[in-house]
Protein backbone atom coordinates (compact mmCIF):
# COMPACT_ATOMS: atom_id res chain seq x y z
CA UNK A 1 0.00 0.00 0.00
CA UNK A 2 1.56 3.28 -1.12
CA UNK A 3 1.68 6.11 1.34
CA UNK A 4 0.16 9.26 -0.10
CA UNK A 5 1.40 12.68 0.91
CA UNK A 6 -0.99 15.34 2.06
CA UNK A 7 -1.34 18.26 -0.32
CA UNK A 8 -0.98 21.75 1.07
CA UNK A 9 -2.77 24.55 -0.76
CA UNK A 10 -1.78 28.18 -0.49
CA UNK A 11 -4.19 30.97 0.41
CA UNK A 12 -4.47 32.21 -3.18
CA UNK A 13 -5.65 28.82 -4.41
CA UNK A 14 -8.15 28.48 -1.57
CA UNK A 15 -9.47 31.99 -2.24
CA UNK A 16 -9.92 31.22 -5.93
CA UNK A 17 -11.85 28.03 -5.20
CA UNK A 18 -14.02 29.66 -2.50
CA UNK A 19 -14.88 32.61 -4.75
CA UNK A 20 -15.98 30.21 -7.48
CA UNK A 21 -18.10 28.33 -4.94
CA UNK A 22 -19.67 31.54 -3.66
CA UNK A 23 -20.52 32.71 -7.18
CA UNK A 24 -22.66 29.63 -7.62
CA UNK A 25 -22.10 29.32 -11.38
CA UNK A 26 -20.85 25.75 -10.94
CA UNK A 27 -21.93 22.96 -8.63
CA UNK A 28 -19.65 21.58 -5.93
CA UNK A 29 -19.17 18.46 -8.04
CA UNK A 30 -17.99 20.54 -10.99
CA UNK A 31 -15.64 22.59 -8.83
CA UNK A 32 -14.35 19.43 -7.22
CA UNK A 33 -13.60 17.96 -10.62
CA UNK A 34 -12.06 21.17 -11.99
CA UNK A 35 -9.69 21.78 -9.08
CA UNK A 36 -9.09 18.21 -7.92
CA UNK A 37 -10.40 18.95 -4.43
CA UNK A 38 -13.02 16.95 -2.57
CA UNK A 39 -16.40 18.70 -2.25
CA UNK A 40 -16.23 18.43 1.53
CA UNK A 41 -12.95 20.37 1.53
CA UNK A 42 -14.47 23.11 -0.63
CA UNK A 43 -17.44 23.33 1.74
CA UNK A 44 -15.09 23.60 4.74
CA UNK A 45 -13.08 26.39 3.09
CA UNK A 46 -16.29 28.17 2.14
CA UNK A 47 -17.59 27.96 5.73
CA UNK A 48 -14.26 29.22 7.07
CA UNK A 49 -14.38 32.18 4.67
CA UNK A 50 -17.95 33.05 5.60
CA UNK A 51 -17.13 32.91 9.34
CA UNK A 52 -14.12 35.18 8.84
CA UNK A 53 -15.85 37.79 6.71
CA UNK A 54 -17.36 39.89 9.53
CA UNK A 55 -13.87 40.58 10.88
CA UNK A 56 -12.91 42.10 7.54
CA UNK A 57 -15.29 45.00 8.07
CA UNK A 58 -14.85 45.75 11.76
CA UNK A 59 -12.19 48.41 11.17
CA UNK A 60 -9.26 46.42 12.50
CA UNK A 61 -6.45 45.84 10.03
CA UNK A 62 -5.05 42.76 11.78
CA UNK A 63 -6.90 39.58 12.70
CA UNK A 64 -7.48 38.70 16.34
CA UNK A 65 -4.99 36.26 17.84
CA UNK A 66 -5.97 33.51 20.18
CA UNK A 67 -4.78 34.07 23.78
CA UNK A 68 -2.23 31.25 23.60
CA UNK A 69 -0.64 32.57 20.42
CA UNK A 70 -0.68 36.11 21.76
CA UNK A 71 1.12 35.06 24.96
CA UNK A 72 3.64 33.08 22.93
CA UNK A 73 4.48 36.20 20.92
CA UNK A 74 4.41 38.66 23.81
CA UNK A 75 6.42 36.68 26.39
CA UNK A 76 9.83 37.04 24.69
CA UNK A 77 9.12 40.68 23.89
CA UNK A 78 8.29 41.51 27.51
CA UNK A 79 11.41 39.64 28.60
CA UNK A 80 13.52 41.70 26.20
CA UNK A 81 11.89 44.94 27.39
CA UNK A 82 12.72 44.00 30.99
CA UNK A 83 16.33 43.19 30.10
CA UNK A 84 16.74 46.50 28.25
CA UNK A 85 15.22 48.42 31.18
CA UNK A 86 17.66 46.82 33.62
CA UNK A 87 20.59 47.65 31.31
CA UNK A 88 19.35 51.21 30.84
CA UNK A 89 18.98 51.75 34.59
CA UNK A 90 22.47 50.34 35.19
CA UNK A 91 24.01 52.66 32.60
CA UNK A 92 22.18 55.68 34.03
CA UNK A 93 23.52 54.81 37.48
CA UNK A 94 27.09 54.44 36.18
CA UNK A 95 26.87 57.78 34.30
CA UNK A 96 25.83 59.58 37.49
CA UNK A 97 28.91 58.32 39.35
CA UNK A 98 31.33 59.62 36.67
PDB file of N, CA and C in Angstrom:
ATOM      1  N   UNK A   1       0.846  -1.167   0.000  1.00  0.00           N
ATOM      2  CA  UNK A   1       0.000   0.000   0.000  1.00  0.00           C
ATOM      3  C   UNK A   1       0.895   1.234   0.000  1.00  0.00           C
ATOM      4  N   UNK A   2       0.730   2.077  -0.995  1.00  0.00           N
ATOM      5  CA  UNK A   2       1.555   3.276  -1.122  1.00  0.00           C
ATOM      6  C   UNK A   2       1.058   4.365  -0.176  1.00  0.00           C
ATOM      7  N   UNK A   3       2.019   5.025   0.421  1.00  0.00           N
ATOM      8  CA  UNK A   3       1.682   6.109   1.341  1.00  0.00           C
ATOM      9  C   UNK A   3       1.530   7.390   0.524  1.00  0.00           C
ATOM     10  N   UNK A   4       0.371   8.022   0.635  1.00  0.00           N
ATOM     11  CA  UNK A   4       0.164   9.260  -0.103  1.00  0.00           C
ATOM     12  C   UNK A   4       0.520  10.448   0.782  1.00  0.00           C
ATOM     13  N   UNK A   5       1.047  11.481   0.162  1.00  0.00           N
ATOM     14  CA  UNK A   5       1.399  12.678   0.912  1.00  0.00           C
ATOM     15  C   UNK A   5       0.224  13.647   0.884  1.00  0.00           C
ATOM     16  N   UNK A   6       0.101  14.381   1.936  1.00  0.00           N
ATOM     17  CA  UNK A   6      -0.989  15.340   2.065  1.00  0.00           C
ATOM     18  C   UNK A   6      -0.641  16.593   1.272  1.00  0.00           C
ATOM     19  N   UNK A   7      -1.575  17.053   0.461  1.00  0.00           N
ATOM     20  CA  UNK A   7      -1.344  18.262  -0.325  1.00  0.00           C
ATOM     21  C   UNK A   7      -1.628  19.487   0.534  1.00  0.00           C
ATOM     22  N   UNK A   8      -0.810  20.487   0.360  1.00  0.00           N
ATOM     23  CA  UNK A   8      -0.979  21.753   1.070  1.00  0.00           C
ATOM     24  C   UNK A   8      -1.262  22.820   0.021  1.00  0.00           C
ATOM     25  N   UNK A   9      -2.370  23.519   0.203  1.00  0.00           N
ATOM     26  CA  UNK A   9      -2.769  24.546  -0.757  1.00  0.00           C
ATOM     27  C   UNK A   9      -2.533  25.923  -0.159  1.00  0.00           C
ATOM     28  N   UNK A  10      -2.033  26.831  -0.983  1.00  0.00           N
ATOM     29  CA  UNK A  10      -1.779  28.178  -0.487  1.00  0.00           C
ATOM     30  C   UNK A  10      -3.077  28.988  -0.449  1.00  0.00           C
ATOM     31  N   UNK A  11      -3.005  30.130   0.195  1.00  0.00           N
ATOM     32  CA  UNK A  11      -4.186  30.971   0.410  1.00  0.00           C
ATOM     33  C   UNK A  11      -4.789  31.453  -0.903  1.00  0.00           C
ATOM     34  N   UNK A  12      -3.953  31.737  -1.891  1.00  0.00           N
ATOM     35  CA  UNK A  12      -4.474  32.209  -3.182  1.00  0.00           C
ATOM     36  C   UNK A  12      -5.340  31.154  -3.863  1.00  0.00           C
ATOM     37  N   UNK A  13      -4.881  29.907  -3.809  1.00  0.00           N
ATOM     38  CA  UNK A  13      -5.647  28.823  -4.410  1.00  0.00           C
ATOM     39  C   UNK A  13      -6.979  28.637  -3.689  1.00  0.00           C
ATOM     40  N   UNK A  14      -6.931  28.648  -2.354  1.00  0.00           N
ATOM     41  CA  UNK A  14      -8.154  28.480  -1.572  1.00  0.00           C
ATOM     42  C   UNK A  14      -9.136  29.608  -1.860  1.00  0.00           C
ATOM     43  N   UNK A  15      -8.621  30.837  -1.958  1.00  0.00           N
ATOM     44  CA  UNK A  15      -9.473  31.986  -2.243  1.00  0.00           C
ATOM     45  C   UNK A  15     -10.141  31.837  -3.597  1.00  0.00           C
ATOM     46  N   UNK A  16      -9.382  31.407  -4.578  1.00  0.00           N
ATOM     47  CA  UNK A  16      -9.915  31.220  -5.933  1.00  0.00           C
ATOM     48  C   UNK A  16     -11.047  30.198  -5.931  1.00  0.00           C
ATOM     49  N   UNK A  17     -10.840  29.087  -5.253  1.00  0.00           N
ATOM     50  CA  UNK A  17     -11.852  28.028  -5.195  1.00  0.00           C
ATOM     51  C   UNK A  17     -13.092  28.514  -4.444  1.00  0.00           C
ATOM     52  N   UNK A  18     -12.889  29.184  -3.312  1.00  0.00           N
ATOM     53  CA  UNK A  18     -14.019  29.662  -2.503  1.00  0.00           C
ATOM     54  C   UNK A  18     -14.827  30.705  -3.271  1.00  0.00           C
ATOM     55  N   UNK A  19     -14.152  31.603  -3.976  1.00  0.00           N
ATOM     56  CA  UNK A  19     -14.878  32.607  -4.755  1.00  0.00           C
ATOM     57  C   UNK A  19     -15.733  31.955  -5.839  1.00  0.00           C
ATOM     58  N   UNK A  20     -15.189  30.940  -6.481  1.00  0.00           N
ATOM     59  CA  UNK A  20     -15.976  30.206  -7.482  1.00  0.00           C
ATOM     60  C   UNK A  20     -17.191  29.543  -6.831  1.00  0.00           C
ATOM     61  N   UNK A  21     -16.988  28.984  -5.635  1.00  0.00           N
ATOM     62  CA  UNK A  21     -18.096  28.327  -4.938  1.00  0.00           C
ATOM     63  C   UNK A  21     -19.157  29.341  -4.529  1.00  0.00           C
ATOM     64  N   UNK A  22     -18.722  30.515  -4.081  1.00  0.00           N
ATOM     65  CA  UNK A  22     -19.673  31.541  -3.662  1.00  0.00           C
ATOM     66  C   UNK A  22     -20.447  32.134  -4.835  1.00  0.00           C
ATOM     67  N   UNK A  23     -19.822  32.190  -5.994  1.00  0.00           N
ATOM     68  CA  UNK A  23     -20.518  32.714  -7.180  1.00  0.00           C
ATOM     69  C   UNK A  23     -21.703  31.836  -7.537  1.00  0.00           C
ATOM     70  N   UNK A  24     -21.554  30.550  -7.370  1.00  0.00           N
ATOM     71  CA  UNK A  24     -22.658  29.632  -7.620  1.00  0.00           C
ATOM     72  C   UNK A  24     -22.889  29.292  -9.084  1.00  0.00           C
ATOM     73  N   UNK A  25     -21.947  29.642  -9.957  1.00  0.00           N
ATOM     74  CA  UNK A  25     -22.097  29.319 -11.376  1.00  0.00           C
ATOM     75  C   UNK A  25     -21.880  27.835 -11.652  1.00  0.00           C
ATOM     76  N   UNK A  26     -21.118  27.177 -10.784  1.00  0.00           N
ATOM     77  CA  UNK A  26     -20.849  25.751 -10.942  1.00  0.00           C
ATOM     78  C   UNK A  26     -21.262  25.031  -9.667  1.00  0.00           C
ATOM     79  N   UNK A  27     -21.581  23.767  -9.797  1.00  0.00           N
ATOM     80  CA  UNK A  27     -21.928  22.957  -8.634  1.00  0.00           C
ATOM     81  C   UNK A  27     -20.644  22.546  -7.907  1.00  0.00           C
ATOM     82  N   UNK A  28     -20.809  22.062  -6.676  1.00  0.00           N
ATOM     83  CA  UNK A  28     -19.654  21.575  -5.925  1.00  0.00           C
ATOM     84  C   UNK A  28     -18.963  20.422  -6.650  1.00  0.00           C
ATOM     85  N   UNK A  29     -19.743  19.584  -7.306  1.00  0.00           N
ATOM     86  CA  UNK A  29     -19.170  18.458  -8.043  1.00  0.00           C
ATOM     87  C   UNK A  29     -18.304  18.953  -9.198  1.00  0.00           C
ATOM     88  N   UNK A  30     -18.766  19.985  -9.893  1.00  0.00           N
ATOM     89  CA  UNK A  30     -17.988  20.542 -10.993  1.00  0.00           C
ATOM     90  C   UNK A  30     -16.700  21.195 -10.484  1.00  0.00           C
ATOM     91  N   UNK A  31     -16.820  21.958  -9.404  1.00  0.00           N
ATOM     92  CA  UNK A  31     -15.635  22.591  -8.828  1.00  0.00           C
ATOM     93  C   UNK A  31     -14.650  21.544  -8.332  1.00  0.00           C
ATOM     94  N   UNK A  32     -15.174  20.514  -7.714  1.00  0.00           N
ATOM     95  CA  UNK A  32     -14.346  19.432  -7.216  1.00  0.00           C
ATOM     96  C   UNK A  32     -13.569  18.780  -8.354  1.00  0.00           C
ATOM     97  N   UNK A  33     -14.235  18.552  -9.450  1.00  0.00           N
ATOM     98  CA  UNK A  33     -13.599  17.955 -10.620  1.00  0.00           C
ATOM     99  C   UNK A  33     -12.584  18.910 -11.251  1.00  0.00           C
ATOM    100  N   UNK A  34     -12.943  20.184 -11.360  1.00  0.00           N
ATOM    101  CA  UNK A  34     -12.059  21.172 -11.987  1.00  0.00           C
ATOM    102  C   UNK A  34     -10.761  21.372 -11.211  1.00  0.00           C
ATOM    103  N   UNK A  35     -10.858  21.457  -9.891  1.00  0.00           N
ATOM    104  CA  UNK A  35      -9.693  21.775  -9.079  1.00  0.00           C
ATOM    105  C   UNK A  35      -9.045  20.565  -8.410  1.00  0.00           C
ATOM    106  N   UNK A  36      -9.664  19.401  -8.526  1.00  0.00           N
ATOM    107  CA  UNK A  36      -9.092  18.206  -7.922  1.00  0.00           C
ATOM    108  C   UNK A  36      -9.163  18.208  -6.410  1.00  0.00           C
ATOM    109  N   UNK A  37     -10.196  18.842  -5.870  1.00  0.00           N
ATOM    110  CA  UNK A  37     -10.396  18.954  -4.427  1.00  0.00           C
ATOM    111  C   UNK A  37     -11.713  18.280  -4.092  1.00  0.00           C
ATOM    112  N   UNK A  38     -11.777  17.594  -2.978  1.00  0.00           N
ATOM    113  CA  UNK A  38     -13.017  16.951  -2.565  1.00  0.00           C
ATOM    114  C   UNK A  38     -14.054  18.016  -2.212  1.00  0.00           C
ATOM    115  N   UNK A  39     -15.309  17.743  -2.502  1.00  0.00           N
ATOM    116  CA  UNK A  39     -16.396  18.700  -2.248  1.00  0.00           C
ATOM    117  C   UNK A  39     -16.488  19.079  -0.776  1.00  0.00           C
ATOM    118  N   UNK A  40     -16.195  18.141   0.102  1.00  0.00           N
ATOM    119  CA  UNK A  40     -16.229  18.426   1.533  1.00  0.00           C
ATOM    120  C   UNK A  40     -15.179  19.479   1.899  1.00  0.00           C
ATOM    121  N   UNK A  41     -14.011  19.404   1.263  1.00  0.00           N
ATOM    122  CA  UNK A  41     -12.954  20.371   1.527  1.00  0.00           C
ATOM    123  C   UNK A  41     -13.366  21.759   1.039  1.00  0.00           C
ATOM    124  N   UNK A  42     -13.998  21.833  -0.107  1.00  0.00           N
ATOM    125  CA  UNK A  42     -14.475  23.110  -0.633  1.00  0.00           C
ATOM    126  C   UNK A  42     -15.516  23.700   0.309  1.00  0.00           C
ATOM    127  N   UNK A  43     -16.413  22.866   0.798  1.00  0.00           N
ATOM    128  CA  UNK A  43     -17.440  23.329   1.737  1.00  0.00           C
ATOM    129  C   UNK A  43     -16.802  23.849   3.026  1.00  0.00           C
ATOM    130  N   UNK A  44     -15.770  23.166   3.519  1.00  0.00           N
ATOM    131  CA  UNK A  44     -15.095  23.600   4.742  1.00  0.00           C
ATOM    132  C   UNK A  44     -14.407  24.948   4.534  1.00  0.00           C
ATOM    133  N   UNK A  45     -13.734  25.112   3.389  1.00  0.00           N
ATOM    134  CA  UNK A  45     -13.083  26.390   3.094  1.00  0.00           C
ATOM    135  C   UNK A  45     -14.109  27.509   2.957  1.00  0.00           C
ATOM    136  N   UNK A  46     -15.224  27.186   2.319  1.00  0.00           N
ATOM    137  CA  UNK A  46     -16.292  28.174   2.138  1.00  0.00           C
ATOM    138  C   UNK A  46     -16.845  28.607   3.493  1.00  0.00           C
ATOM    139  N   UNK A  47     -17.085  27.655   4.391  1.00  0.00           N
ATOM    140  CA  UNK A  47     -17.592  27.956   5.729  1.00  0.00           C
ATOM    141  C   UNK A  47     -16.584  28.804   6.502  1.00  0.00           C
ATOM    142  N   UNK A  48     -15.314  28.467   6.389  1.00  0.00           N
ATOM    143  CA  UNK A  48     -14.262  29.217   7.071  1.00  0.00           C
ATOM    144  C   UNK A  48     -14.217  30.657   6.550  1.00  0.00           C
ATOM    145  N   UNK A  49     -14.375  30.831   5.258  1.00  0.00           N
ATOM    146  CA  UNK A  49     -14.376  32.179   4.670  1.00  0.00           C
ATOM    147  C   UNK A  49     -15.581  32.978   5.143  1.00  0.00           C
ATOM    148  N   UNK A  50     -16.746  32.349   5.177  1.00  0.00           N
ATOM    149  CA  UNK A  50     -17.951  33.051   5.604  1.00  0.00           C
ATOM    150  C   UNK A  50     -17.880  33.442   7.078  1.00  0.00           C
ATOM    151  N   UNK A  51     -17.279  32.596   7.914  1.00  0.00           N
ATOM    152  CA  UNK A  51     -17.133  32.910   9.336  1.00  0.00           C
ATOM    153  C   UNK A  51     -16.141  34.051   9.557  1.00  0.00           C
ATOM    154  N   UNK A  52     -15.143  34.148   8.688  1.00  0.00           N
ATOM    155  CA  UNK A  52     -14.125  35.182   8.844  1.00  0.00           C
ATOM    156  C   UNK A  52     -14.482  36.516   8.231  1.00  0.00           C
ATOM    157  N   UNK A  53     -15.500  36.548   7.401  1.00  0.00           N
ATOM    158  CA  UNK A  53     -15.850  37.787   6.708  1.00  0.00           C
ATOM    159  C   UNK A  53     -16.237  38.944   7.624  1.00  0.00           C
ATOM    160  N   UNK A  54     -17.006  38.736   8.687  1.00  0.00           N
ATOM    161  CA  UNK A  54     -17.358  39.888   9.527  1.00  0.00           C
ATOM    162  C   UNK A  54     -16.140  40.620  10.087  1.00  0.00           C
ATOM    163  N   UNK A  55     -15.059  39.914  10.339  1.00  0.00           N
ATOM    164  CA  UNK A  55     -13.873  40.575  10.883  1.00  0.00           C
ATOM    165  C   UNK A  55     -13.192  41.464   9.848  1.00  0.00           C
ATOM    166  N   UNK A  56     -13.494  41.261   8.574  1.00  0.00           N
ATOM    167  CA  UNK A  56     -12.912  42.104   7.536  1.00  0.00           C
ATOM    168  C   UNK A  56     -13.435  43.524   7.606  1.00  0.00           C
ATOM    169  N   UNK A  57     -14.640  43.703   8.102  1.00  0.00           N
ATOM    170  CA  UNK A  57     -15.294  44.996   8.066  1.00  0.00           C
ATOM    171  C   UNK A  57     -15.435  45.652   9.445  1.00  0.00           C
ATOM    172  N   UNK A  58     -14.711  45.176  10.436  1.00  0.00           N
ATOM    173  CA  UNK A  58     -14.853  45.750  11.763  1.00  0.00           C
ATOM    174  C   UNK A  58     -13.858  46.879  12.025  1.00  0.00           C
ATOM    175  N   UNK A  59     -13.091  47.289  11.038  1.00  0.00           N
ATOM    176  CA  UNK A  59     -12.193  48.414  11.171  1.00  0.00           C
ATOM    177  C   UNK A  59     -10.806  48.060  11.653  1.00  0.00           C
ATOM    178  N   UNK A  60     -10.580  46.839  12.059  1.00  0.00           N
ATOM    179  CA  UNK A  60      -9.258  46.420  12.499  1.00  0.00           C
ATOM    180  C   UNK A  60      -8.494  45.884  11.298  1.00  0.00           C
ATOM    181  N   UNK A  61      -7.236  46.273  11.182  1.00  0.00           N
ATOM    182  CA  UNK A  61      -6.455  45.839  10.033  1.00  0.00           C
ATOM    183  C   UNK A  61      -5.790  44.487  10.249  1.00  0.00           C
ATOM    184  N   UNK A  62      -5.679  44.050  11.505  1.00  0.00           N
ATOM    185  CA  UNK A  62      -5.053  42.761  11.782  1.00  0.00           C
ATOM    186  C   UNK A  62      -6.068  41.821  12.405  1.00  0.00           C
ATOM    187  N   UNK A  63      -5.970  40.532  12.103  1.00  0.00           N
ATOM    188  CA  UNK A  63      -6.902  39.580  12.702  1.00  0.00           C
ATOM    189  C   UNK A  63      -6.606  39.378  14.179  1.00  0.00           C
ATOM    190  N   UNK A  64      -7.631  38.980  14.917  1.00  0.00           N
ATOM    191  CA  UNK A  64      -7.481  38.703  16.341  1.00  0.00           C
ATOM    192  C   UNK A  64      -6.670  37.427  16.527  1.00  0.00           C
ATOM    193  N   UNK A  65      -5.784  37.442  17.511  1.00  0.00           N
ATOM    194  CA  UNK A  65      -4.990  36.264  17.837  1.00  0.00           C
ATOM    195  C   UNK A  65      -5.608  35.557  19.025  1.00  0.00           C
ATOM    196  N   UNK A  66      -5.491  34.254  19.028  1.00  0.00           N
ATOM    197  CA  UNK A  66      -5.973  33.505  20.180  1.00  0.00           C
ATOM    198  C   UNK A  66      -5.068  33.813  21.370  1.00  0.00           C
ATOM    199  N   UNK A  67      -5.582  33.711  22.605  1.00  0.00           N
ATOM    200  CA  UNK A  67      -4.780  34.066  23.783  1.00  0.00           C
ATOM    201  C   UNK A  67      -3.464  33.300  23.877  1.00  0.00           C
ATOM    202  N   UNK A  68      -3.462  32.039  23.522  1.00  0.00           N
ATOM    203  CA  UNK A  68      -2.229  31.247  23.598  1.00  0.00           C
ATOM    204  C   UNK A  68      -1.169  31.750  22.639  1.00  0.00           C
ATOM    205  N   UNK A  69      -1.580  32.069  21.429  1.00  0.00           N
ATOM    206  CA  UNK A  69      -0.644  32.572  20.422  1.00  0.00           C
ATOM    207  C   UNK A  69      -0.143  33.952  20.822  1.00  0.00           C
ATOM    208  N   UNK A  70      -1.048  34.759  21.337  1.00  0.00           N
ATOM    209  CA  UNK A  70      -0.678  36.114  21.760  1.00  0.00           C
ATOM    210  C   UNK A  70       0.372  36.067  22.876  1.00  0.00           C
ATOM    211  N   UNK A  71       0.159  35.201  23.868  1.00  0.00           N
ATOM    212  CA  UNK A  71       1.121  35.064  24.962  1.00  0.00           C
ATOM    213  C   UNK A  71       2.462  34.556  24.457  1.00  0.00           C
ATOM    214  N   UNK A  72       2.419  33.645  23.488  1.00  0.00           N
ATOM    215  CA  UNK A  72       3.636  33.082  22.929  1.00  0.00           C
ATOM    216  C   UNK A  72       4.468  34.164  22.228  1.00  0.00           C
ATOM    217  N   UNK A  73       3.793  35.108  21.612  1.00  0.00           N
ATOM    218  CA  UNK A  73       4.483  36.196  20.919  1.00  0.00           C
ATOM    219  C   UNK A  73       4.954  37.254  21.916  1.00  0.00           C
ATOM    220  N   UNK A  74       4.104  37.578  22.889  1.00  0.00           N
ATOM    221  CA  UNK A  74       4.411  38.664  23.813  1.00  0.00           C
ATOM    222  C   UNK A  74       5.458  38.307  24.865  1.00  0.00           C
ATOM    223  N   UNK A  75       5.509  37.068  25.307  1.00  0.00           N
ATOM    224  CA  UNK A  75       6.418  36.683  26.394  1.00  0.00           C
ATOM    225  C   UNK A  75       7.870  37.052  26.100  1.00  0.00           C
ATOM    226  N   UNK A  76       8.435  36.667  24.946  1.00  0.00           N
ATOM    227  CA  UNK A  76       9.833  37.036  24.695  1.00  0.00           C
ATOM    228  C   UNK A  76      10.018  38.548  24.554  1.00  0.00           C
ATOM    229  N   UNK A  77       9.009  39.231  24.035  1.00  0.00           N
ATOM    230  CA  UNK A  77       9.116  40.679  23.888  1.00  0.00           C
ATOM    231  C   UNK A  77       9.144  41.366  25.244  1.00  0.00           C
ATOM    232  N   UNK A  78       8.284  40.941  26.166  1.00  0.00           N
ATOM    233  CA  UNK A  78       8.290  41.511  27.507  1.00  0.00           C
ATOM    234  C   UNK A  78       9.603  41.204  28.224  1.00  0.00           C
ATOM    235  N   UNK A  79      10.138  40.016  27.993  1.00  0.00           N
ATOM    236  CA  UNK A  79      11.411  39.643  28.599  1.00  0.00           C
ATOM    237  C   UNK A  79      12.525  40.559  28.082  1.00  0.00           C
ATOM    238  N   UNK A  80      12.517  40.828  26.789  1.00  0.00           N
ATOM    239  CA  UNK A  80      13.523  41.703  26.201  1.00  0.00           C
ATOM    240  C   UNK A  80      13.371  43.138  26.716  1.00  0.00           C
ATOM    241  N   UNK A  81      12.135  43.593  26.852  1.00  0.00           N
ATOM    242  CA  UNK A  81      11.893  44.936  27.392  1.00  0.00           C
ATOM    243  C   UNK A  81      12.447  45.032  28.808  1.00  0.00           C
ATOM    244  N   UNK A  82      12.200  44.019  29.624  1.00  0.00           N
ATOM    245  CA  UNK A  82      12.716  43.999  30.992  1.00  0.00           C
ATOM    246  C   UNK A  82      14.234  44.033  31.020  1.00  0.00           C
ATOM    247  N   UNK A  83      14.867  43.241  30.167  1.00  0.00           N
ATOM    248  CA  UNK A  83      16.328  43.190  30.103  1.00  0.00           C
ATOM    249  C   UNK A  83      16.893  44.552  29.698  1.00  0.00           C
ATOM    250  N   UNK A  84      16.280  45.190  28.705  1.00  0.00           N
ATOM    251  CA  UNK A  84      16.743  46.499  28.252  1.00  0.00           C
ATOM    252  C   UNK A  84      16.549  47.566  29.333  1.00  0.00           C
ATOM    253  N   UNK A  85      15.460  47.464  30.091  1.00  0.00           N
ATOM    254  CA  UNK A  85      15.219  48.418  31.177  1.00  0.00           C
ATOM    255  C   UNK A  85      16.279  48.288  32.260  1.00  0.00           C
ATOM    256  N   UNK A  86      16.625  47.054  32.611  1.00  0.00           N
ATOM    257  CA  UNK A  86      17.661  46.823  33.620  1.00  0.00           C
ATOM    258  C   UNK A  86      18.997  47.392  33.126  1.00  0.00           C
ATOM    259  N   UNK A  87      19.342  47.132  31.864  1.00  0.00           N
ATOM    260  CA  UNK A  87      20.593  47.648  31.314  1.00  0.00           C
ATOM    261  C   UNK A  87      20.596  49.171  31.286  1.00  0.00           C
ATOM    262  N   UNK A  88      19.476  49.763  30.906  1.00  0.00           N
ATOM    263  CA  UNK A  88      19.355  51.208  30.837  1.00  0.00           C
ATOM    264  C   UNK A  88      19.521  51.831  32.230  1.00  0.00           C
ATOM    265  N   UNK A  89      18.860  51.250  33.228  1.00  0.00           N
ATOM    266  CA  UNK A  89      18.976  51.753  34.593  1.00  0.00           C
ATOM    267  C   UNK A  89      20.414  51.636  35.096  1.00  0.00           C
ATOM    268  N   UNK A  90      21.079  50.545  34.777  1.00  0.00           N
ATOM    269  CA  UNK A  90      22.467  50.338  35.193  1.00  0.00           C
ATOM    270  C   UNK A  90      23.370  51.398  34.576  1.00  0.00           C
ATOM    271  N   UNK A  91      23.182  51.659  33.272  1.00  0.00           N
ATOM    272  CA  UNK A  91      24.008  52.656  32.601  1.00  0.00           C
ATOM    273  C   UNK A  91      23.755  54.066  33.133  1.00  0.00           C
ATOM    274  N   UNK A  92      22.501  54.378  33.445  1.00  0.00           N
ATOM    275  CA  UNK A  92      22.183  55.683  34.031  1.00  0.00           C
ATOM    276  C   UNK A  92      22.889  55.846  35.373  1.00  0.00           C
ATOM    277  N   UNK A  93      22.886  54.780  36.172  1.00  0.00           N
ATOM    278  CA  UNK A  93      23.520  54.809  37.478  1.00  0.00           C
ATOM    279  C   UNK A  93      25.033  55.009  37.335  1.00  0.00           C
ATOM    280  N   UNK A  94      25.649  54.328  36.394  1.00  0.00           N
ATOM    281  CA  UNK A  94      27.086  54.441  36.175  1.00  0.00           C
ATOM    282  C   UNK A  94      27.458  55.838  35.667  1.00  0.00           C
ATOM    283  N   UNK A  95      26.594  56.442  34.817  1.00  0.00           N
ATOM    284  CA  UNK A  95      26.870  57.779  34.302  1.00  0.00           C
ATOM    285  C   UNK A  95      26.811  58.828  35.407  1.00  0.00           C
ATOM    286  N   UNK A  96      25.957  58.636  36.391  1.00  0.00           N
ATOM    287  CA  UNK A  96      25.828  59.582  37.490  1.00  0.00           C
ATOM    288  C   UNK A  96      27.073  59.570  38.375  1.00  0.00           C
ATOM    289  N   UNK A  97      27.736  58.426  38.485  1.00  0.00           N
ATOM    290  CA  UNK A  97      28.912  58.315  39.345  1.00  0.00           C
ATOM    291  C   UNK A  97      30.172  58.860  38.676  1.00  0.00           C
ATOM    292  N   UNK A  98      30.143  59.123  37.392  1.00  0.00           N
ATOM    293  CA  UNK A  98      31.328  59.624  36.671  1.00  0.00           C
ATOM    294  C   UNK A  98      31.461  61.107  36.854  1.00  0.00           C
TER     295      UNK A  98
END
